[in-house]
């Protein structure tokens, strides 16, 4: 039973537990977030946050102290080069634990532990601080009358720019060119020429004609 024991041994010996936290801290510094169980994440936070505070002072001594815990040159370089400038203005609370549900096999509660300043999604959606005005006036101190608060009205100047609603009505040129239909009927006069061909005389008529000519002579 662990009465009064604030250290969670995580079911491991001292050497195994230190090696596990060392590897998890290197992974957190390299990837900026890792997924693990709630118990391990809480223990890792206690282990890694003093190292993050130590990285704010970039000196040989600080690097050697951090290296004694991490035992990784790559993790130390990443911590002092990339992580330290991000957390320079933060006084504490460098990590965040987000619960993600329960593991399928043993139903252990899982979470994601991450470095706060590298999550841009959470940092952009932080609610802005809003000031609230109280309706009640401040109490006057003894012997001193409360000075009335004069609220100067804000001049709300609205510049109304008249919208130039100019509609240019272009007259539609409805010009209908009436081309007169050339209804010219050329009346060609029908040539009704009747050539009167003299009728051929029969021999009897010819004989009578000659006889008449002779008698006249």
N, C-alpha and C. Protein backbone atom coordinates (compact mmCIF):
# COMPACT_ATOMS: atom_id res chain seq x y z
N UNK A 1 0.85 -1.19 0.00
CA UNK A 1 0.00 0.00 0.00
C UNK A 1 0.88 1.24 0.00
N UNK A 2 0.45 2.26 -0.71
CA UNK A 2 1.29 3.44 -0.89
C UNK A 2 0.74 4.62 -0.11
N UNK A 3 0.62 4.45 1.17
CA UNK A 3 0.16 5.54 2.02
C UNK A 3 1.26 6.59 2.14
N UNK A 4 0.92 7.83 1.83
CA UNK A 4 1.89 8.91 1.98
C UNK A 4 3.00 8.89 0.95
N UNK A 5 2.92 8.04 -0.05
CA UNK A 5 3.97 7.98 -1.07
C UNK A 5 3.48 8.74 -2.30
N UNK A 6 4.09 9.87 -2.59
CA UNK A 6 3.64 10.72 -3.69
C UNK A 6 4.24 10.31 -5.03
N UNK A 7 5.16 9.42 -5.03
CA UNK A 7 5.81 9.00 -6.27
C UNK A 7 5.09 7.78 -6.81
N UNK A 8 4.66 7.86 -8.04
CA UNK A 8 4.03 6.72 -8.70
C UNK A 8 5.14 5.90 -9.36
N UNK A 9 5.36 4.71 -8.87
CA UNK A 9 6.45 3.88 -9.38
C UNK A 9 6.11 3.23 -10.71
N UNK A 10 4.87 3.27 -11.11
CA UNK A 10 4.43 2.75 -12.40
C UNK A 10 4.72 1.26 -12.57
N UNK A 11 4.81 0.54 -11.44
CA UNK A 11 5.03 -0.91 -11.50
C UNK A 11 6.41 -1.28 -12.03
N UNK A 12 7.40 -0.42 -11.87
CA UNK A 12 8.74 -0.68 -12.41
C UNK A 12 9.79 -0.40 -11.34
N UNK A 13 10.95 -0.98 -11.57
CA UNK A 13 12.09 -0.67 -10.71
C UNK A 13 12.64 0.71 -11.05
N UNK A 14 13.57 1.18 -10.22
CA UNK A 14 14.06 2.54 -10.39
C UNK A 14 14.77 2.73 -11.73
N UNK A 15 15.62 1.81 -12.09
CA UNK A 15 16.37 1.94 -13.35
C UNK A 15 15.45 1.92 -14.57
N UNK A 16 14.49 0.99 -14.54
CA UNK A 16 13.54 0.88 -15.65
C UNK A 16 12.69 2.15 -15.76
N UNK A 17 12.27 2.67 -14.63
CA UNK A 17 11.41 3.86 -14.63
C UNK A 17 12.17 5.09 -15.15
N UNK A 18 13.42 5.25 -14.74
CA UNK A 18 14.21 6.40 -15.20
C UNK A 18 14.49 6.31 -16.70
N UNK A 19 14.79 5.12 -17.18
CA UNK A 19 15.06 4.96 -18.61
C UNK A 19 13.79 5.25 -19.44
N UNK A 20 12.64 4.80 -18.92
CA UNK A 20 11.39 5.05 -19.64
C UNK A 20 11.08 6.55 -19.69
N UNK A 21 11.22 7.26 -18.58
CA UNK A 21 10.95 8.70 -18.57
C UNK A 21 11.95 9.46 -19.43
N UNK A 22 13.19 8.99 -19.45
CA UNK A 22 14.19 9.63 -20.29
C UNK A 22 13.83 9.52 -21.77
N UNK A 23 13.41 8.32 -22.19
CA UNK A 23 13.03 8.13 -23.59
C UNK A 23 11.77 8.93 -23.94
N UNK A 24 10.81 8.95 -23.01
CA UNK A 24 9.59 9.70 -23.28
C UNK A 24 9.86 11.19 -23.36
N UNK A 25 10.76 11.71 -22.52
CA UNK A 25 11.10 13.13 -22.55
C UNK A 25 11.80 13.49 -23.86
N UNK A 26 12.69 12.62 -24.36
CA UNK A 26 13.35 12.88 -25.64
C UNK A 26 12.33 12.89 -26.79
N UNK A 27 11.37 11.96 -26.73
CA UNK A 27 10.35 11.92 -27.78
C UNK A 27 9.45 13.16 -27.72
N UNK A 28 9.13 13.63 -26.53
CA UNK A 28 8.30 14.82 -26.39
C UNK A 28 9.00 16.06 -26.92
N UNK A 29 10.32 16.17 -26.66
CA UNK A 29 11.07 17.33 -27.14
C UNK A 29 11.22 17.27 -28.66
N UNK A 30 11.37 16.08 -29.21
CA UNK A 30 11.57 15.95 -30.65
C UNK A 30 10.27 16.14 -31.43
N UNK A 31 9.18 15.50 -30.98
CA UNK A 31 7.92 15.52 -31.73
C UNK A 31 6.91 16.54 -31.19
N UNK A 32 7.18 17.14 -30.05
CA UNK A 32 6.34 18.18 -29.44
C UNK A 32 5.04 17.64 -28.84
N UNK A 33 4.66 16.40 -29.13
CA UNK A 33 3.49 15.76 -28.50
C UNK A 33 3.60 14.26 -28.66
N UNK A 34 3.15 13.54 -27.63
CA UNK A 34 3.15 12.08 -27.67
C UNK A 34 1.86 11.60 -27.02
N UNK A 35 1.48 10.36 -27.33
CA UNK A 35 0.28 9.75 -26.77
C UNK A 35 0.70 8.65 -25.79
N UNK A 36 0.16 8.69 -24.61
CA UNK A 36 0.49 7.71 -23.58
C UNK A 36 -0.66 7.62 -22.59
N UNK A 37 -0.45 6.91 -21.48
CA UNK A 37 -1.50 6.79 -20.48
C UNK A 37 -1.47 8.01 -19.54
N UNK A 38 -2.55 8.17 -18.81
CA UNK A 38 -2.64 9.31 -17.89
C UNK A 38 -1.57 9.23 -16.81
N UNK A 39 -1.35 8.04 -16.26
CA UNK A 39 -0.38 7.90 -15.17
C UNK A 39 1.03 8.24 -15.65
N UNK A 40 1.39 7.75 -16.83
CA UNK A 40 2.73 8.05 -17.35
C UNK A 40 2.87 9.52 -17.71
N UNK A 41 1.80 10.13 -18.25
CA UNK A 41 1.88 11.54 -18.64
C UNK A 41 2.07 12.43 -17.42
N UNK A 42 1.39 12.13 -16.33
CA UNK A 42 1.54 12.95 -15.13
C UNK A 42 2.95 12.81 -14.55
N UNK A 43 3.50 11.62 -14.59
CA UNK A 43 4.87 11.43 -14.10
C UNK A 43 5.88 12.09 -15.03
N UNK A 44 5.62 12.02 -16.33
CA UNK A 44 6.53 12.65 -17.29
C UNK A 44 6.53 14.16 -17.14
N UNK A 45 5.38 14.75 -16.84
CA UNK A 45 5.32 16.19 -16.67
C UNK A 45 6.19 16.66 -15.51
N UNK A 46 6.19 15.91 -14.42
CA UNK A 46 7.04 16.26 -13.28
C UNK A 46 8.52 16.12 -13.65
N UNK A 47 8.82 15.19 -14.55
CA UNK A 47 10.21 14.93 -14.93
C UNK A 47 10.74 15.97 -15.93
N UNK A 48 9.90 16.39 -16.91
CA UNK A 48 10.42 17.17 -18.02
C UNK A 48 10.30 18.68 -17.80
N UNK A 49 9.36 19.14 -17.01
CA UNK A 49 9.19 20.58 -16.87
C UNK A 49 10.38 21.28 -16.20
N UNK A 50 11.05 20.70 -15.20
CA UNK A 50 12.28 21.35 -14.70
C UNK A 50 13.37 21.45 -15.75
N UNK A 51 13.42 20.49 -16.68
CA UNK A 51 14.41 20.57 -17.75
C UNK A 51 14.07 21.70 -18.72
N UNK A 52 12.79 21.92 -18.97
CA UNK A 52 12.39 23.03 -19.83
C UNK A 52 12.72 24.37 -19.19
N UNK A 53 12.55 24.47 -17.88
CA UNK A 53 12.93 25.70 -17.18
C UNK A 53 14.44 25.92 -17.25
N UNK A 54 15.19 24.83 -17.16
CA UNK A 54 16.66 24.93 -17.20
C UNK A 54 17.14 25.39 -18.57
N UNK A 55 16.38 25.06 -19.62
CA UNK A 55 16.82 25.40 -20.97
C UNK A 55 16.69 26.88 -21.28
N UNK A 56 16.00 27.65 -20.44
CA UNK A 56 15.86 29.08 -20.69
C UNK A 56 17.20 29.80 -20.57
N UNK A 57 18.09 29.33 -19.74
CA UNK A 57 19.43 29.92 -19.63
C UNK A 57 20.39 29.06 -20.44
N UNK A 58 20.77 29.56 -21.60
CA UNK A 58 21.63 28.79 -22.50
C UNK A 58 23.08 28.96 -22.08
N UNK A 59 23.56 28.03 -21.27
CA UNK A 59 24.95 28.06 -20.82
C UNK A 59 25.49 26.62 -20.83
N UNK A 60 26.78 26.51 -20.70
CA UNK A 60 27.40 25.18 -20.70
C UNK A 60 26.92 24.37 -19.50
N UNK A 61 26.79 25.01 -18.37
CA UNK A 61 26.34 24.30 -17.19
C UNK A 61 24.90 23.77 -17.38
N UNK A 62 24.03 24.61 -17.92
CA UNK A 62 22.65 24.17 -18.13
C UNK A 62 22.59 23.01 -19.12
N UNK A 63 23.37 23.06 -20.17
CA UNK A 63 23.37 21.97 -21.14
C UNK A 63 23.87 20.67 -20.52
N UNK A 64 24.86 20.76 -19.66
CA UNK A 64 25.40 19.54 -19.03
C UNK A 64 24.39 18.95 -18.05
N UNK A 65 23.67 19.81 -17.34
CA UNK A 65 22.67 19.31 -16.39
C UNK A 65 21.54 18.62 -17.16
N UNK A 66 21.07 19.23 -18.24
CA UNK A 66 19.99 18.62 -19.03
C UNK A 66 20.47 17.33 -19.68
N UNK A 67 21.72 17.30 -20.14
CA UNK A 67 22.24 16.09 -20.77
C UNK A 67 22.36 14.94 -19.77
N UNK A 68 22.60 15.26 -18.50
CA UNK A 68 22.69 14.19 -17.50
C UNK A 68 21.36 13.49 -17.31
N UNK A 69 20.25 14.16 -17.61
CA UNK A 69 18.93 13.53 -17.50
C UNK A 69 18.49 12.87 -18.81
N UNK A 70 18.77 13.52 -19.93
CA UNK A 70 18.25 13.01 -21.21
C UNK A 70 19.19 12.02 -21.88
N UNK A 71 20.51 12.20 -21.71
CA UNK A 71 21.50 11.31 -22.33
C UNK A 71 21.35 11.25 -23.85
N UNK A 72 21.02 12.39 -24.45
CA UNK A 72 20.86 12.45 -25.91
C UNK A 72 21.29 13.84 -26.38
N UNK A 73 22.35 13.86 -27.22
CA UNK A 73 22.83 15.15 -27.73
C UNK A 73 21.81 15.80 -28.66
N UNK A 74 21.13 14.97 -29.46
CA UNK A 74 20.14 15.52 -30.39
C UNK A 74 18.98 16.18 -29.64
N UNK A 75 18.52 15.54 -28.56
CA UNK A 75 17.42 16.11 -27.79
C UNK A 75 17.85 17.40 -27.09
N UNK A 76 19.08 17.44 -26.58
CA UNK A 76 19.56 18.66 -25.92
C UNK A 76 19.67 19.80 -26.92
N UNK A 77 20.18 19.51 -28.13
CA UNK A 77 20.29 20.55 -29.16
C UNK A 77 18.92 21.06 -29.57
N UNK A 78 17.96 20.15 -29.76
CA UNK A 78 16.61 20.56 -30.13
C UNK A 78 15.96 21.39 -29.01
N UNK A 79 16.22 21.01 -27.77
CA UNK A 79 15.63 21.71 -26.64
C UNK A 79 16.13 23.14 -26.54
N UNK A 80 17.43 23.35 -26.67
CA UNK A 80 18.00 24.69 -26.51
C UNK A 80 17.85 25.54 -27.77
N UNK A 81 17.71 24.90 -28.93
CA UNK A 81 17.66 25.67 -30.17
C UNK A 81 16.22 26.00 -30.60
N UNK A 82 15.30 25.05 -30.46
CA UNK A 82 13.94 25.23 -30.96
C UNK A 82 12.93 25.51 -29.85
N UNK A 83 13.00 24.73 -28.77
CA UNK A 83 11.96 24.81 -27.74
C UNK A 83 12.17 26.01 -26.83
N UNK A 84 13.41 26.27 -26.44
CA UNK A 84 13.69 27.34 -25.47
C UNK A 84 13.21 28.71 -25.95
N UNK A 85 13.42 29.12 -27.21
CA UNK A 85 12.90 30.45 -27.62
C UNK A 85 11.38 30.53 -27.58
N UNK A 86 10.68 29.40 -27.79
CA UNK A 86 9.22 29.42 -27.77
C UNK A 86 8.68 29.62 -26.36
N UNK A 87 9.33 29.02 -25.37
CA UNK A 87 8.81 29.07 -24.00
C UNK A 87 9.51 30.14 -23.17
N UNK A 88 10.22 31.06 -23.81
CA UNK A 88 11.01 32.04 -23.06
C UNK A 88 10.14 32.95 -22.21
N UNK A 89 8.94 33.30 -22.69
CA UNK A 89 8.07 34.23 -21.98
C UNK A 89 7.07 33.54 -21.06
N UNK A 90 7.14 32.24 -20.95
CA UNK A 90 6.18 31.50 -20.11
C UNK A 90 6.83 31.18 -18.77
N UNK A 91 6.10 31.44 -17.70
CA UNK A 91 6.64 31.25 -16.36
C UNK A 91 6.53 29.82 -15.86
N UNK A 92 5.71 29.04 -16.46
CA UNK A 92 5.53 27.64 -16.02
C UNK A 92 4.38 27.03 -16.78
N UNK A 93 4.11 25.77 -16.51
CA UNK A 93 3.02 25.10 -17.21
C UNK A 93 3.33 24.93 -18.68
N UNK A 94 4.48 24.32 -18.98
CA UNK A 94 4.90 24.20 -20.37
C UNK A 94 4.18 23.09 -21.12
N UNK A 95 3.58 22.16 -20.41
CA UNK A 95 2.95 21.02 -21.07
C UNK A 95 1.45 21.01 -20.79
N UNK A 96 0.72 20.32 -21.65
CA UNK A 96 -0.73 20.19 -21.53
C UNK A 96 -1.11 18.73 -21.74
N UNK A 97 -2.04 18.25 -20.93
CA UNK A 97 -2.51 16.87 -21.03
C UNK A 97 -3.96 16.91 -21.53
N UNK A 98 -4.21 16.24 -22.64
CA UNK A 98 -5.55 16.18 -23.24
C UNK A 98 -5.99 14.72 -23.23
N UNK A 99 -7.08 14.43 -22.57
CA UNK A 99 -7.58 13.06 -22.50
C UNK A 99 -8.21 12.66 -23.83
N UNK A 100 -7.90 11.45 -24.26
CA UNK A 100 -8.36 10.98 -25.58
C UNK A 100 -9.24 9.74 -25.50
N UNK A 101 -9.54 9.23 -24.33
CA UNK A 101 -10.42 8.05 -24.24
C UNK A 101 -9.74 6.90 -23.52
N UNK A 102 -10.20 5.70 -23.85
CA UNK A 102 -9.70 4.51 -23.18
C UNK A 102 -9.12 3.54 -24.20
N UNK A 103 -8.06 2.85 -23.78
CA UNK A 103 -7.39 1.92 -24.67
C UNK A 103 -8.23 0.67 -24.84
N UNK A 104 -8.19 0.09 -26.04
CA UNK A 104 -9.08 -1.02 -26.37
C UNK A 104 -8.74 -2.29 -25.61
N UNK A 105 -7.46 -2.55 -25.40
CA UNK A 105 -7.08 -3.83 -24.80
C UNK A 105 -7.37 -3.93 -23.31
N UNK A 106 -6.76 -3.03 -22.52
CA UNK A 106 -6.89 -3.11 -21.06
C UNK A 106 -7.75 -1.97 -20.49
N UNK A 107 -8.36 -1.18 -21.35
CA UNK A 107 -9.25 -0.09 -20.92
C UNK A 107 -8.51 0.97 -20.09
N UNK A 108 -7.21 1.14 -20.36
CA UNK A 108 -6.45 2.18 -19.67
C UNK A 108 -6.80 3.54 -20.25
N UNK A 109 -6.87 4.53 -19.39
CA UNK A 109 -7.23 5.87 -19.85
C UNK A 109 -6.04 6.51 -20.57
N UNK A 110 -6.27 6.90 -21.82
CA UNK A 110 -5.20 7.43 -22.65
C UNK A 110 -5.29 8.95 -22.73
N UNK A 111 -4.17 9.57 -23.12
CA UNK A 111 -4.13 11.02 -23.25
C UNK A 111 -3.03 11.40 -24.22
N UNK A 112 -3.01 12.67 -24.55
CA UNK A 112 -1.94 13.23 -25.37
C UNK A 112 -1.30 14.35 -24.57
N UNK A 113 0.01 14.25 -24.36
CA UNK A 113 0.76 15.30 -23.66
C UNK A 113 1.56 16.06 -24.70
N UNK A 114 1.48 17.38 -24.64
CA UNK A 114 2.13 18.21 -25.65
C UNK A 114 2.71 19.45 -25.01
N UNK A 115 3.64 20.07 -25.73
CA UNK A 115 4.19 21.36 -25.30
C UNK A 115 3.22 22.46 -25.74
N UNK A 116 2.84 23.31 -24.83
CA UNK A 116 1.73 24.24 -25.04
C UNK A 116 1.98 25.18 -26.21
N UNK A 117 3.16 25.75 -26.30
CA UNK A 117 3.42 26.81 -27.27
C UNK A 117 3.53 26.30 -28.70
N UNK A 118 3.55 25.00 -28.91
CA UNK A 118 3.63 24.47 -30.27
C UNK A 118 2.27 24.05 -30.82
N UNK A 119 1.22 24.23 -30.04
CA UNK A 119 -0.13 23.93 -30.53
C UNK A 119 -0.78 25.24 -30.95
N UNK A 120 -0.72 25.55 -32.25
CA UNK A 120 -1.25 26.80 -32.75
C UNK A 120 -2.77 26.81 -32.76
N UNK A 121 -3.39 25.63 -32.85
CA UNK A 121 -4.85 25.56 -32.88
C UNK A 121 -5.44 26.03 -31.56
N UNK A 122 -4.88 25.58 -30.44
CA UNK A 122 -5.40 25.98 -29.14
C UNK A 122 -5.05 27.43 -28.84
N UNK A 123 -3.87 27.89 -29.25
CA UNK A 123 -3.44 29.24 -28.92
C UNK A 123 -4.24 30.28 -29.67
N UNK A 124 -4.67 29.98 -30.90
CA UNK A 124 -5.44 30.96 -31.68
C UNK A 124 -6.87 31.09 -31.18
N UNK A 125 -7.43 30.01 -30.58
CA UNK A 125 -8.83 30.03 -30.16
C UNK A 125 -9.01 30.43 -28.70
N UNK A 126 -7.95 30.96 -28.09
CA UNK A 126 -8.08 31.37 -26.69
C UNK A 126 -9.06 32.53 -26.60
N UNK A 127 -9.96 32.44 -25.67
CA UNK A 127 -10.99 33.48 -25.51
C UNK A 127 -10.35 34.76 -25.01
N UNK A 128 -10.76 35.86 -25.62
CA UNK A 128 -10.23 37.16 -25.22
C UNK A 128 -10.87 37.60 -23.91
N UNK A 129 -10.07 38.29 -23.11
CA UNK A 129 -10.56 38.79 -21.84
C UNK A 129 -11.46 39.99 -22.10
N UNK A 130 -12.66 39.93 -21.55
CA UNK A 130 -13.62 41.02 -21.72
C UNK A 130 -13.85 41.69 -20.38
N UNK A 131 -13.88 43.01 -20.40
CA UNK A 131 -14.12 43.78 -19.18
C UNK A 131 -15.62 43.94 -19.00
N UNK A 132 -16.06 43.81 -17.77
CA UNK A 132 -17.48 43.93 -17.46
C UNK A 132 -17.71 45.15 -16.58
N UNK A 133 -18.63 45.98 -17.00
CA UNK A 133 -18.93 47.19 -16.24
C UNK A 133 -20.02 46.88 -15.22
N UNK A 134 -19.79 47.32 -14.02
CA UNK A 134 -20.79 47.12 -12.97
C UNK A 134 -21.77 48.30 -12.98
N UNK A 135 -23.03 48.02 -12.73
CA UNK A 135 -24.05 49.06 -12.74
C UNK A 135 -24.03 49.92 -11.48
N UNK A 136 -23.55 49.33 -10.40
CA UNK A 136 -23.55 50.07 -9.15
C UNK A 136 -22.36 51.00 -9.10
N UNK A 137 -22.59 52.19 -8.54
CA UNK A 137 -21.50 53.14 -8.39
C UNK A 137 -20.65 52.79 -7.19
N UNK A 138 -19.40 53.26 -7.18
CA UNK A 138 -18.51 52.98 -6.07
C UNK A 138 -18.97 53.69 -4.80
N UNK A 139 -18.72 53.02 -3.67
CA UNK A 139 -19.12 53.61 -2.40
C UNK A 139 -18.24 54.79 -2.05
N UNK A 140 -18.85 55.82 -1.55
CA UNK A 140 -18.09 57.02 -1.16
C UNK A 140 -17.36 56.75 0.14
N UNK A 141 -16.13 57.15 0.21
CA UNK A 141 -15.37 56.98 1.46
C UNK A 141 -15.91 57.95 2.51
N UNK A 142 -15.58 57.66 3.73
CA UNK A 142 -16.11 58.45 4.84
C UNK A 142 -15.61 59.89 4.75
N UNK A 143 -16.57 60.84 4.73
CA UNK A 143 -16.22 62.26 4.70
C UNK A 143 -15.91 62.79 3.32
N UNK A 144 -15.85 61.93 2.32
CA UNK A 144 -15.53 62.37 0.96
C UNK A 144 -16.70 61.99 0.07
N UNK A 145 -17.27 62.99 -0.60
CA UNK A 145 -18.40 62.71 -1.48
C UNK A 145 -17.91 62.00 -2.73
N UNK A 146 -18.75 61.08 -3.18
CA UNK A 146 -18.38 60.33 -4.37
C UNK A 146 -18.50 61.22 -5.60
N UNK A 147 -17.45 61.31 -6.34
CA UNK A 147 -17.45 62.16 -7.54
C UNK A 147 -18.20 61.45 -8.64
N UNK A 148 -19.18 62.15 -9.24
CA UNK A 148 -19.94 61.49 -10.31
C UNK A 148 -19.06 61.22 -11.52
N UNK A 149 -19.32 60.10 -12.12
CA UNK A 149 -18.55 59.72 -13.31
C UNK A 149 -19.25 60.28 -14.52
N UNK A 150 -18.55 61.13 -15.24
CA UNK A 150 -19.11 61.76 -16.43
C UNK A 150 -18.64 60.96 -17.63
N UNK A 151 -19.60 60.40 -18.31
CA UNK A 151 -19.27 59.62 -19.50
C UNK A 151 -19.39 60.51 -20.72
N UNK A 152 -18.26 60.72 -21.34
CA UNK A 152 -18.26 61.55 -22.54
C UNK A 152 -18.78 60.73 -23.70
N UNK A 153 -19.85 61.25 -24.32
CA UNK A 153 -20.41 60.46 -25.44
C UNK A 153 -19.43 60.38 -26.59
N UNK A 154 -19.32 59.22 -27.11
CA UNK A 154 -18.41 59.01 -28.23
C UNK A 154 -19.09 59.51 -29.49
N UNK A 155 -18.38 60.37 -30.19
CA UNK A 155 -18.96 60.94 -31.42
C UNK A 155 -18.91 59.89 -32.51
N UNK A 156 -20.07 59.37 -32.79
CA UNK A 156 -20.14 58.34 -33.82
C UNK A 156 -20.46 59.04 -35.15
N UNK A 157 -19.43 59.28 -35.87
CA UNK A 157 -19.56 59.98 -37.14
C UNK A 157 -19.67 58.93 -38.24
N UNK A 158 -20.77 58.99 -38.90
CA UNK A 158 -20.98 58.04 -39.99
C UNK A 158 -20.93 58.82 -41.28
N UNK A 159 -19.93 58.57 -42.04
CA UNK A 159 -19.79 59.26 -43.31
C UNK A 159 -20.61 58.52 -44.35
N UNK A 160 -21.70 59.17 -44.72
CA UNK A 160 -22.56 58.53 -45.71
C UNK A 160 -22.15 59.03 -47.09
N UNK A 161 -21.50 58.21 -47.77
CA UNK A 161 -21.09 58.57 -49.12
C UNK A 161 -22.24 58.29 -50.06
N UNK A 162 -22.78 59.35 -50.70
CA UNK A 162 -23.93 59.11 -51.60
C UNK A 162 -23.53 58.21 -52.74
N UNK A 163 -24.34 57.25 -52.95
CA UNK A 163 -24.07 56.31 -54.03
C UNK A 163 -24.52 56.95 -55.33
N UNK A 164 -23.61 57.05 -56.23
CA UNK A 164 -23.93 57.68 -57.52
C UNK A 164 -24.70 56.69 -58.36
N UNK A 165 -26.02 56.83 -58.30
CA UNK A 165 -26.86 55.92 -59.06
C UNK A 165 -27.20 56.57 -60.41
N UNK A 166 -26.24 56.62 -61.25
CA UNK A 166 -26.41 57.25 -62.56
C UNK A 166 -26.66 56.14 -63.55
N UNK A 167 -27.81 56.21 -64.15
CA UNK A 167 -28.17 55.21 -65.14
C UNK A 167 -28.11 55.87 -66.50
N UNK A 168 -27.15 55.49 -67.28
CA UNK A 168 -27.00 56.08 -68.61
C UNK A 168 -27.92 55.33 -69.55
N UNK A 169 -28.98 56.04 -69.96
CA UNK A 169 -29.93 55.42 -70.87
C UNK A 169 -29.50 55.70 -72.29
N UNK A 170 -28.93 54.75 -72.88
CA UNK A 170 -28.50 54.89 -74.26
C UNK A 170 -29.70 54.65 -75.15
N UNK A 171 -30.13 55.67 -75.93
CA UNK A 171 -31.32 55.47 -76.79
C UNK A 171 -31.06 54.39 -77.80
N UNK A 172 -31.99 53.51 -77.89
CA UNK A 172 -31.86 52.40 -78.82
C UNK A 172 -32.21 52.92 -80.21
N UNK A 173 -31.28 52.77 -81.09
CA UNK A 173 -31.50 53.27 -82.46
C UNK A 173 -32.41 52.29 -83.19
N UNK A 174 -33.71 52.65 -83.16
CA UNK A 174 -34.68 51.78 -83.82
C UNK A 174 -34.92 52.31 -85.24
N UNK A 175 -33.92 52.20 -86.03
CA UNK A 175 -34.00 52.68 -87.41
C UNK A 175 -34.35 51.49 -88.28
N UNK A 176 -35.51 51.58 -88.90
CA UNK A 176 -35.94 50.51 -89.79
C UNK A 176 -35.79 51.01 -91.22
N UNK A 177 -34.86 50.47 -91.88
CA UNK A 177 -34.62 50.87 -93.27
C UNK A 177 -35.63 50.14 -94.15
N UNK A 178 -36.59 50.94 -94.65
CA UNK A 178 -37.62 50.33 -95.50
C UNK A 178 -37.13 50.35 -96.93
N UNK A 179 -36.66 49.27 -97.31
CA UNK A 179 -36.19 49.16 -98.69
C UNK A 179 -37.40 48.87 -99.56
N UNK A 180 -37.76 49.82 -100.48
CA UNK A 180 -38.94 49.59 -101.32
C UNK A 180 -38.75 48.37 -102.21
N UNK A 181 -39.72 47.52 -102.14
CA UNK A 181 -39.63 46.31 -102.95
C UNK A 181 -39.75 46.67 -104.42
N UNK A 182 -38.80 46.23 -105.12
CA UNK A 182 -38.80 46.56 -106.56
C UNK A 182 -39.84 45.69 -107.26
N UNK A 183 -41.06 46.23 -107.28
CA UNK A 183 -42.15 45.49 -107.92
C UNK A 183 -42.34 46.00 -109.35
N UNK A 184 -41.30 45.86 -110.11
CA UNK A 184 -41.33 46.34 -111.49
C UNK A 184 -41.68 45.15 -112.38
N UNK A 185 -42.78 45.27 -113.00
CA UNK A 185 -43.23 44.21 -113.93
C UNK A 185 -43.00 44.71 -115.35
N UNK A 186 -42.05 44.15 -115.94
CA UNK A 186 -41.75 44.55 -117.31
C UNK A 186 -42.75 43.85 -118.23
N UNK A 187 -43.65 44.67 -118.75
CA UNK A 187 -44.66 44.11 -119.64
C UNK A 187 -44.12 44.11 -121.05
N UNK A 188 -43.74 42.99 -121.42
CA UNK A 188 -43.22 42.86 -122.79
C UNK A 188 -44.41 42.76 -123.74
N UNK A 189 -44.53 43.74 -124.65
CA UNK A 189 -45.70 43.70 -125.59
C UNK A 189 -45.63 42.46 -126.47
N UNK A 190 -46.74 41.84 -126.49
CA UNK A 190 -46.82 40.61 -127.29
C UNK A 190 -46.90 41.00 -128.75
N UNK A 191 -45.96 40.49 -129.44
CA UNK A 191 -45.94 40.84 -130.88
C UNK A 191 -47.01 40.04 -131.60
N UNK A 192 -48.16 40.77 -131.77
CA UNK A 192 -49.26 40.10 -132.47
C UNK A 192 -49.22 40.48 -133.95
N UNK A 193 -48.20 40.04 -134.54
CA UNK A 193 -48.03 40.35 -135.98
C UNK A 193 -48.58 39.19 -136.78
N UNK A 194 -49.54 39.54 -137.56
CA UNK A 194 -50.18 38.50 -138.39
C UNK A 194 -49.75 38.74 -139.82
N UNK A 195 -48.94 37.93 -140.24
CA UNK A 195 -48.49 38.06 -141.63
C UNK A 195 -49.56 37.43 -142.53
N UNK A 196 -50.13 38.33 -143.32
CA UNK A 196 -51.18 37.85 -144.22
C UNK A 196 -50.54 37.29 -145.47
N UNK A 197 -50.51 36.03 -145.43
CA UNK A 197 -49.95 35.36 -146.61
C UNK A 197 -51.03 35.28 -147.68
N UNK A 198 -50.72 35.76 -148.91
CA UNK A 198 -51.75 35.73 -149.97
C UNK A 198 -52.19 34.31 -150.27
N UNK A 199 -53.46 34.17 -150.37
CA UNK A 199 -54.00 32.84 -150.63
C UNK A 199 -53.64 32.39 -152.03
N UNK A 200 -53.33 31.20 -152.11
CA UNK A 200 -52.95 30.64 -153.44
C UNK A 200 -54.21 30.51 -154.31
N UNK A 201 -54.09 30.99 -155.54
CA UNK A 201 -55.24 30.97 -156.47
C UNK A 201 -55.34 29.61 -157.15
N UNK A 202 -56.54 29.23 -157.26
CA UNK A 202 -56.78 27.96 -157.95
C UNK A 202 -56.63 28.18 -159.48
N UNK A 203 -56.39 27.14 -160.27
CA UNK A 203 -56.21 27.32 -161.73
C UNK A 203 -57.45 27.86 -162.43
N UNK A 204 -58.64 27.58 -161.91
CA UNK A 204 -59.84 28.08 -162.58
C UNK A 204 -59.93 29.58 -162.44
N UNK A 205 -59.59 30.06 -161.18
CA UNK A 205 -59.65 31.51 -160.94
C UNK A 205 -58.58 32.20 -161.78
N UNK A 206 -57.43 31.56 -161.91
CA UNK A 206 -56.37 32.17 -162.73
C UNK A 206 -56.81 32.31 -164.21
N UNK A 207 -57.51 31.34 -164.70
CA UNK A 207 -57.96 31.41 -166.09
C UNK A 207 -58.98 32.54 -166.30
N UNK A 208 -59.90 32.67 -165.31
CA UNK A 208 -60.91 33.72 -165.44
C UNK A 208 -60.27 35.08 -165.39
N UNK A 209 -59.20 35.19 -164.58
CA UNK A 209 -58.52 36.48 -164.47
C UNK A 209 -57.83 36.85 -165.76
N UNK A 210 -57.23 35.92 -166.38
CA UNK A 210 -56.56 36.21 -167.67
C UNK A 210 -57.57 36.55 -168.74
N UNK A 211 -58.71 35.90 -168.65
CA UNK A 211 -59.74 36.20 -169.68
C UNK A 211 -60.26 37.62 -169.49
N UNK A 212 -60.40 38.03 -168.25
CA UNK A 212 -60.91 39.38 -168.01
C UNK A 212 -59.90 40.42 -168.47
N UNK A 213 -58.61 40.10 -168.26
CA UNK A 213 -57.58 41.04 -168.69
C UNK A 213 -57.61 41.20 -170.21
N UNK A 214 -57.85 40.08 -170.87
CA UNK A 214 -57.84 40.13 -172.32
C UNK A 214 -59.04 40.94 -172.87
N UNK A 215 -60.17 40.75 -172.21
CA UNK A 215 -61.34 41.47 -172.66
C UNK A 215 -61.21 42.97 -172.46
N UNK A 216 -60.54 43.31 -171.43
CA UNK A 216 -60.37 44.74 -171.15
C UNK A 216 -59.47 45.37 -172.19
N UNK A 217 -58.52 44.62 -172.68
CA UNK A 217 -57.67 45.16 -173.72
C UNK A 217 -58.47 45.35 -175.00
